[in-house]
Amino acid sequence: MTLSEWYEDVQVQLTADGLNPVFVQPDAKSTLPLVFVNVHVDADMSSKTGTLSSVGQQIDIYDSIDTPPAEWEDFVRKVKWSLSKVTRWQSLTASNSIDTSMSESKPLHRCMLLITLEGDY
């Protein structure tokens, strides 16, 4: 599987699970909640095959600051569950914060997922 194919699978799965995946930086007009498939780091390239064997992927999850904490946590869990249907990961970390980068007047809930994918990408 190539990394591009993995992205396609992520988009299909997240959409099938009722989530809103985007692959470009969201802005203040973006529909919430959304899942932003952010930057990746090619962590290891096989010298024999020339394919990636490890990729670090950042995925940011955004929702309104007005979303109750229990609903926000359920949404984050739903995203993790949906991603687990696409591939197994070696590690997954989640960091929650309040984000003002899209609009200072209206902060957002943000969860940054860092996933290390192992396999043939």
N, C-alpha and C. Protein backbone atom coordinates (compact mmCIF):
# COMPACT_ATOMS: atom_id res chain seq x y z
N MET A 1 0.85 -1.18 0.00
CA MET A 1 0.00 0.00 0.00
C MET A 1 0.89 1.24 0.00
N THR A 2 0.54 2.20 -0.83
CA THR A 2 1.27 3.46 -0.82
C THR A 2 0.64 4.41 0.20
N LEU A 3 1.37 5.45 0.56
CA LEU A 3 0.82 6.43 1.49
C LEU A 3 -0.41 7.11 0.89
N SER A 4 -0.40 7.36 -0.41
CA SER A 4 -1.56 7.96 -1.07
C SER A 4 -2.79 7.06 -0.96
N GLU A 5 -2.58 5.76 -1.10
CA GLU A 5 -3.70 4.82 -0.96
C GLU A 5 -4.21 4.82 0.48
N TRP A 6 -3.30 4.94 1.44
CA TRP A 6 -3.72 5.00 2.84
C TRP A 6 -4.58 6.24 3.07
N TYR A 7 -4.17 7.38 2.51
CA TYR A 7 -4.97 8.60 2.65
C TYR A 7 -6.35 8.42 2.05
N GLU A 8 -6.43 7.78 0.88
CA GLU A 8 -7.72 7.52 0.26
C GLU A 8 -8.59 6.64 1.16
N ASP A 9 -7.98 5.61 1.75
CA ASP A 9 -8.71 4.72 2.66
C ASP A 9 -9.19 5.49 3.90
N VAL A 10 -8.35 6.38 4.41
CA VAL A 10 -8.73 7.21 5.57
C VAL A 10 -9.93 8.07 5.21
N GLN A 11 -9.89 8.71 4.05
CA GLN A 11 -11.01 9.57 3.64
C GLN A 11 -12.30 8.77 3.50
N VAL A 12 -12.22 7.62 2.86
CA VAL A 12 -13.40 6.78 2.66
C VAL A 12 -13.97 6.34 4.01
N GLN A 13 -13.10 5.86 4.91
CA GLN A 13 -13.56 5.33 6.20
C GLN A 13 -14.14 6.43 7.08
N LEU A 14 -13.44 7.56 7.20
CA LEU A 14 -13.96 8.64 8.03
C LEU A 14 -15.30 9.14 7.52
N THR A 15 -15.42 9.28 6.21
CA THR A 15 -16.68 9.73 5.62
C THR A 15 -17.78 8.71 5.88
N ALA A 16 -17.46 7.42 5.73
CA ALA A 16 -18.44 6.36 5.98
C ALA A 16 -18.92 6.36 7.43
N ASP A 17 -18.05 6.78 8.34
CA ASP A 17 -18.42 6.84 9.76
C ASP A 17 -19.03 8.18 10.15
N GLY A 18 -19.38 8.99 9.15
CA GLY A 18 -20.07 10.25 9.42
C GLY A 18 -19.18 11.38 9.89
N LEU A 19 -17.88 11.26 9.64
CA LEU A 19 -16.94 12.31 10.04
C LEU A 19 -16.61 13.18 8.83
N ASN A 20 -16.05 14.36 9.08
CA ASN A 20 -15.79 15.33 8.03
C ASN A 20 -14.28 15.48 7.84
N PRO A 21 -13.63 14.63 7.01
CA PRO A 21 -12.18 14.76 6.83
C PRO A 21 -11.82 15.84 5.82
N VAL A 22 -10.78 16.59 6.12
CA VAL A 22 -10.25 17.58 5.19
C VAL A 22 -8.74 17.39 5.10
N PHE A 23 -8.19 17.77 3.97
CA PHE A 23 -6.76 17.58 3.73
C PHE A 23 -6.07 18.91 3.45
N VAL A 24 -6.78 20.02 3.66
CA VAL A 24 -6.20 21.36 3.55
C VAL A 24 -6.48 22.09 4.86
N GLN A 25 -5.61 23.04 5.18
CA GLN A 25 -5.73 23.77 6.44
C GLN A 25 -7.12 24.39 6.56
N PRO A 26 -7.88 24.06 7.60
CA PRO A 26 -9.21 24.64 7.77
C PRO A 26 -9.11 26.13 8.13
N ASP A 27 -10.21 26.83 7.92
CA ASP A 27 -10.25 28.24 8.32
C ASP A 27 -11.52 28.50 9.11
N ALA A 28 -11.76 29.75 9.45
CA ALA A 28 -12.88 30.11 10.31
C ALA A 28 -14.23 29.75 9.69
N LYS A 29 -14.31 29.56 8.38
CA LYS A 29 -15.57 29.23 7.73
C LYS A 29 -15.79 27.71 7.59
N SER A 30 -14.83 26.91 8.03
CA SER A 30 -14.95 25.46 7.91
C SER A 30 -16.10 24.94 8.76
N THR A 31 -16.78 23.93 8.26
CA THR A 31 -17.88 23.30 8.97
C THR A 31 -17.34 22.41 10.07
N LEU A 32 -17.84 22.60 11.29
CA LEU A 32 -17.41 21.80 12.44
C LEU A 32 -18.45 20.74 12.74
N PRO A 33 -18.08 19.66 13.35
CA PRO A 33 -16.72 19.25 13.68
C PRO A 33 -16.00 18.74 12.43
N LEU A 34 -14.67 18.77 12.46
CA LEU A 34 -13.91 18.28 11.32
C LEU A 34 -12.65 17.58 11.77
N VAL A 35 -12.12 16.77 10.86
CA VAL A 35 -10.89 16.02 11.08
C VAL A 35 -9.91 16.46 10.00
N PHE A 36 -8.83 17.11 10.40
CA PHE A 36 -7.83 17.63 9.46
C PHE A 36 -6.64 16.68 9.40
N VAL A 37 -6.46 16.03 8.27
CA VAL A 37 -5.30 15.16 8.07
C VAL A 37 -4.14 16.08 7.73
N ASN A 38 -3.27 16.28 8.71
CA ASN A 38 -2.21 17.29 8.66
C ASN A 38 -0.92 16.68 8.10
N VAL A 39 0.20 17.20 8.49
CA VAL A 39 1.51 16.82 7.96
C VAL A 39 1.91 15.41 8.39
N HIS A 40 2.82 14.82 7.61
CA HIS A 40 3.39 13.53 7.98
C HIS A 40 4.91 13.61 7.88
N VAL A 41 5.55 12.71 8.59
CA VAL A 41 7.01 12.61 8.57
C VAL A 41 7.37 11.20 8.10
N ASP A 42 8.16 11.13 7.04
CA ASP A 42 8.66 9.85 6.56
C ASP A 42 9.80 9.45 7.49
N ALA A 43 9.52 8.53 8.39
CA ALA A 43 10.47 8.22 9.44
C ALA A 43 11.53 7.20 9.02
N ASP A 44 11.24 6.36 8.06
CA ASP A 44 12.19 5.31 7.72
C ASP A 44 11.93 4.83 6.30
N MET A 45 12.97 4.86 5.46
CA MET A 45 12.85 4.42 4.07
C MET A 45 13.68 3.15 3.90
N SER A 46 13.08 2.13 3.33
CA SER A 46 13.79 0.87 3.09
C SER A 46 14.82 1.08 1.98
N SER A 47 16.07 0.75 2.25
CA SER A 47 17.11 0.89 1.22
C SER A 47 16.99 -0.21 0.16
N LYS A 48 16.33 -1.31 0.51
CA LYS A 48 16.18 -2.41 -0.43
C LYS A 48 15.05 -2.17 -1.43
N THR A 49 13.90 -1.70 -0.93
CA THR A 49 12.73 -1.56 -1.81
C THR A 49 12.41 -0.12 -2.16
N GLY A 50 12.98 0.84 -1.42
CA GLY A 50 12.68 2.24 -1.67
C GLY A 50 11.31 2.67 -1.18
N THR A 51 10.64 1.83 -0.38
CA THR A 51 9.32 2.17 0.15
C THR A 51 9.43 2.60 1.60
N LEU A 52 8.48 3.35 2.04
CA LEU A 52 8.46 3.79 3.43
C LEU A 52 8.06 2.63 4.32
N SER A 53 8.75 2.50 5.45
CA SER A 53 8.39 1.45 6.38
C SER A 53 7.84 2.02 7.68
N SER A 54 7.95 3.34 7.85
CA SER A 54 7.41 3.98 9.05
C SER A 54 7.04 5.42 8.71
N VAL A 55 5.85 5.81 9.11
CA VAL A 55 5.36 7.17 8.85
C VAL A 55 4.75 7.72 10.12
N GLY A 56 5.11 8.93 10.48
CA GLY A 56 4.47 9.63 11.59
C GLY A 56 3.45 10.60 11.02
N GLN A 57 2.20 10.43 11.38
CA GLN A 57 1.10 11.23 10.82
C GLN A 57 0.43 12.06 11.90
N GLN A 58 0.22 13.35 11.62
CA GLN A 58 -0.53 14.21 12.53
C GLN A 58 -1.94 14.39 11.98
N ILE A 59 -2.93 14.21 12.85
CA ILE A 59 -4.33 14.43 12.48
C ILE A 59 -4.93 15.30 13.57
N ASP A 60 -5.49 16.44 13.17
CA ASP A 60 -6.08 17.39 14.11
C ASP A 60 -7.60 17.29 14.03
N ILE A 61 -8.22 17.27 15.20
CA ILE A 61 -9.67 17.19 15.31
C ILE A 61 -10.16 18.50 15.93
N TYR A 62 -11.13 19.12 15.30
CA TYR A 62 -11.66 20.40 15.78
C TYR A 62 -13.16 20.31 16.01
N ASP A 63 -13.61 21.02 17.04
CA ASP A 63 -15.05 21.18 17.26
C ASP A 63 -15.27 22.48 18.03
N SER A 64 -16.49 22.90 18.09
CA SER A 64 -16.86 24.13 18.78
C SER A 64 -16.49 24.06 20.26
N ILE A 65 -16.06 25.18 20.79
CA ILE A 65 -15.76 25.26 22.23
C ILE A 65 -17.03 25.06 23.05
N ASP A 66 -18.19 25.25 22.42
CA ASP A 66 -19.47 25.10 23.10
C ASP A 66 -19.90 23.63 23.23
N THR A 67 -19.20 22.73 22.57
CA THR A 67 -19.52 21.31 22.67
C THR A 67 -19.23 20.84 24.09
N PRO A 68 -20.19 20.21 24.75
CA PRO A 68 -19.95 19.71 26.11
C PRO A 68 -18.77 18.74 26.15
N PRO A 69 -18.01 18.76 27.24
CA PRO A 69 -16.81 17.90 27.33
C PRO A 69 -17.06 16.42 27.03
N ALA A 70 -18.15 15.86 27.50
CA ALA A 70 -18.44 14.44 27.25
C ALA A 70 -18.65 14.18 25.76
N GLU A 71 -19.35 15.09 25.08
CA GLU A 71 -19.58 14.94 23.64
C GLU A 71 -18.26 15.08 22.88
N TRP A 72 -17.42 16.01 23.32
CA TRP A 72 -16.11 16.22 22.69
C TRP A 72 -15.27 14.94 22.80
N GLU A 73 -15.23 14.35 23.99
CA GLU A 73 -14.45 13.12 24.19
C GLU A 73 -15.02 11.97 23.36
N ASP A 74 -16.33 11.89 23.25
CA ASP A 74 -16.96 10.86 22.41
C ASP A 74 -16.57 11.04 20.95
N PHE A 75 -16.52 12.29 20.49
CA PHE A 75 -16.14 12.58 19.11
C PHE A 75 -14.69 12.15 18.85
N VAL A 76 -13.79 12.46 19.78
CA VAL A 76 -12.39 12.07 19.63
C VAL A 76 -12.28 10.54 19.59
N ARG A 77 -13.02 9.86 20.46
CA ARG A 77 -13.02 8.39 20.46
C ARG A 77 -13.54 7.83 19.13
N LYS A 78 -14.57 8.47 18.59
CA LYS A 78 -15.13 8.03 17.31
C LYS A 78 -14.10 8.14 16.20
N VAL A 79 -13.33 9.23 16.20
CA VAL A 79 -12.29 9.40 15.18
C VAL A 79 -11.22 8.32 15.33
N LYS A 80 -10.78 8.08 16.56
CA LYS A 80 -9.78 7.03 16.80
C LYS A 80 -10.30 5.67 16.32
N TRP A 81 -11.54 5.36 16.65
CA TRP A 81 -12.14 4.09 16.25
C TRP A 81 -12.20 3.97 14.74
N SER A 82 -12.60 5.04 14.07
CA SER A 82 -12.68 5.03 12.62
C SER A 82 -11.30 4.81 12.01
N LEU A 83 -10.29 5.50 12.54
CA LEU A 83 -8.92 5.32 12.03
C LEU A 83 -8.41 3.91 12.26
N SER A 84 -8.83 3.29 13.35
CA SER A 84 -8.36 1.93 13.64
C SER A 84 -8.90 0.93 12.62
N LYS A 85 -9.98 1.26 11.93
CA LYS A 85 -10.54 0.39 10.90
C LYS A 85 -9.70 0.42 9.62
N VAL A 86 -8.91 1.49 9.46
CA VAL A 86 -8.10 1.66 8.24
C VAL A 86 -6.78 0.90 8.36
N THR A 87 -6.13 1.01 9.50
CA THR A 87 -4.83 0.39 9.68
C THR A 87 -4.52 0.24 11.15
N ARG A 88 -3.57 -0.62 11.43
CA ARG A 88 -3.06 -0.71 12.79
C ARG A 88 -1.90 0.26 12.91
N TRP A 89 -1.78 0.88 14.04
CA TRP A 89 -0.66 1.78 14.24
C TRP A 89 0.25 1.24 15.32
N GLN A 90 1.50 1.69 15.27
CA GLN A 90 2.45 1.28 16.30
C GLN A 90 2.19 2.08 17.58
N SER A 91 1.90 3.37 17.41
CA SER A 91 1.59 4.20 18.57
C SER A 91 0.61 5.29 18.18
N LEU A 92 -0.14 5.76 19.18
CA LEU A 92 -1.09 6.85 18.99
C LEU A 92 -1.08 7.68 20.27
N THR A 93 -0.81 8.97 20.12
CA THR A 93 -0.90 9.88 21.26
C THR A 93 -1.91 10.97 20.91
N ALA A 94 -2.59 11.46 21.93
CA ALA A 94 -3.59 12.50 21.74
C ALA A 94 -3.31 13.64 22.71
N SER A 95 -3.33 14.86 22.18
CA SER A 95 -3.09 16.04 23.00
C SER A 95 -4.25 17.01 22.80
N ASN A 96 -4.99 17.29 23.87
CA ASN A 96 -6.14 18.19 23.78
C ASN A 96 -5.75 19.61 24.19
N SER A 97 -6.34 20.58 23.49
CA SER A 97 -6.06 21.99 23.81
C SER A 97 -7.22 22.85 23.33
N ILE A 98 -7.15 24.10 23.71
CA ILE A 98 -8.07 25.12 23.18
C ILE A 98 -7.28 25.89 22.13
N ASP A 99 -7.84 26.01 20.93
CA ASP A 99 -7.13 26.58 19.80
C ASP A 99 -7.77 27.90 19.37
N THR A 100 -6.97 28.92 19.21
CA THR A 100 -7.46 30.22 18.74
C THR A 100 -6.89 30.59 17.37
N SER A 101 -6.21 29.67 16.72
CA SER A 101 -5.53 30.00 15.46
C SER A 101 -6.47 30.31 14.31
N MET A 102 -7.67 29.75 14.32
CA MET A 102 -8.61 30.02 13.22
C MET A 102 -9.45 31.26 13.48
N SER A 103 -9.65 31.59 14.75
CA SER A 103 -10.45 32.76 15.09
C SER A 103 -10.24 33.09 16.57
N GLU A 104 -9.65 34.24 16.84
CA GLU A 104 -9.40 34.62 18.22
C GLU A 104 -10.69 34.87 18.98
N SER A 105 -11.73 35.30 18.26
CA SER A 105 -13.00 35.61 18.94
C SER A 105 -13.77 34.35 19.32
N LYS A 106 -13.47 33.24 18.67
CA LYS A 106 -14.20 32.00 18.94
C LYS A 106 -13.20 30.84 18.99
N PRO A 107 -12.66 30.55 20.18
CA PRO A 107 -11.73 29.42 20.28
C PRO A 107 -12.43 28.09 20.02
N LEU A 108 -11.64 27.08 19.70
CA LEU A 108 -12.15 25.75 19.38
C LEU A 108 -11.51 24.70 20.27
N HIS A 109 -12.23 23.59 20.45
CA HIS A 109 -11.60 22.39 21.00
C HIS A 109 -10.68 21.86 19.90
N ARG A 110 -9.48 21.41 20.28
CA ARG A 110 -8.58 20.78 19.31
C ARG A 110 -7.93 19.58 19.98
N CYS A 111 -7.92 18.48 19.27
CA CYS A 111 -7.17 17.31 19.70
C CYS A 111 -6.19 16.97 18.60
N MET A 112 -4.90 16.96 18.93
CA MET A 112 -3.87 16.61 17.96
C MET A 112 -3.50 15.14 18.18
N LEU A 113 -3.77 14.32 17.17
CA LEU A 113 -3.38 12.92 17.21
C LEU A 113 -2.05 12.77 16.48
N LEU A 114 -1.12 12.07 17.10
CA LEU A 114 0.14 11.71 16.45
C LEU A 114 0.17 10.19 16.34
N ILE A 115 0.17 9.71 15.10
CA ILE A 115 0.10 8.28 14.85
C ILE A 115 1.40 7.84 14.17
N THR A 116 1.99 6.78 14.67
CA THR A 116 3.11 6.17 13.98
C THR A 116 2.60 4.91 13.30
N LEU A 117 2.68 4.92 11.97
CA LEU A 117 2.22 3.80 11.16
C LEU A 117 3.42 2.94 10.79
N GLU A 118 3.27 1.66 10.95
CA GLU A 118 4.32 0.72 10.57
C GLU A 118 3.78 -0.11 9.40
N GLY A 119 4.61 -0.36 8.46
CA GLY A 119 4.17 -1.18 7.34
C GLY A 119 4.86 -0.77 6.07
N ASP A 120 4.30 -1.13 4.96
CA ASP A 120 4.88 -0.88 3.66
C ASP A 120 4.14 0.27 2.99
N TYR A 121 4.60 1.48 3.20
CA TYR A 121 3.95 2.66 2.65
C TYR A 121 4.83 3.28 1.61
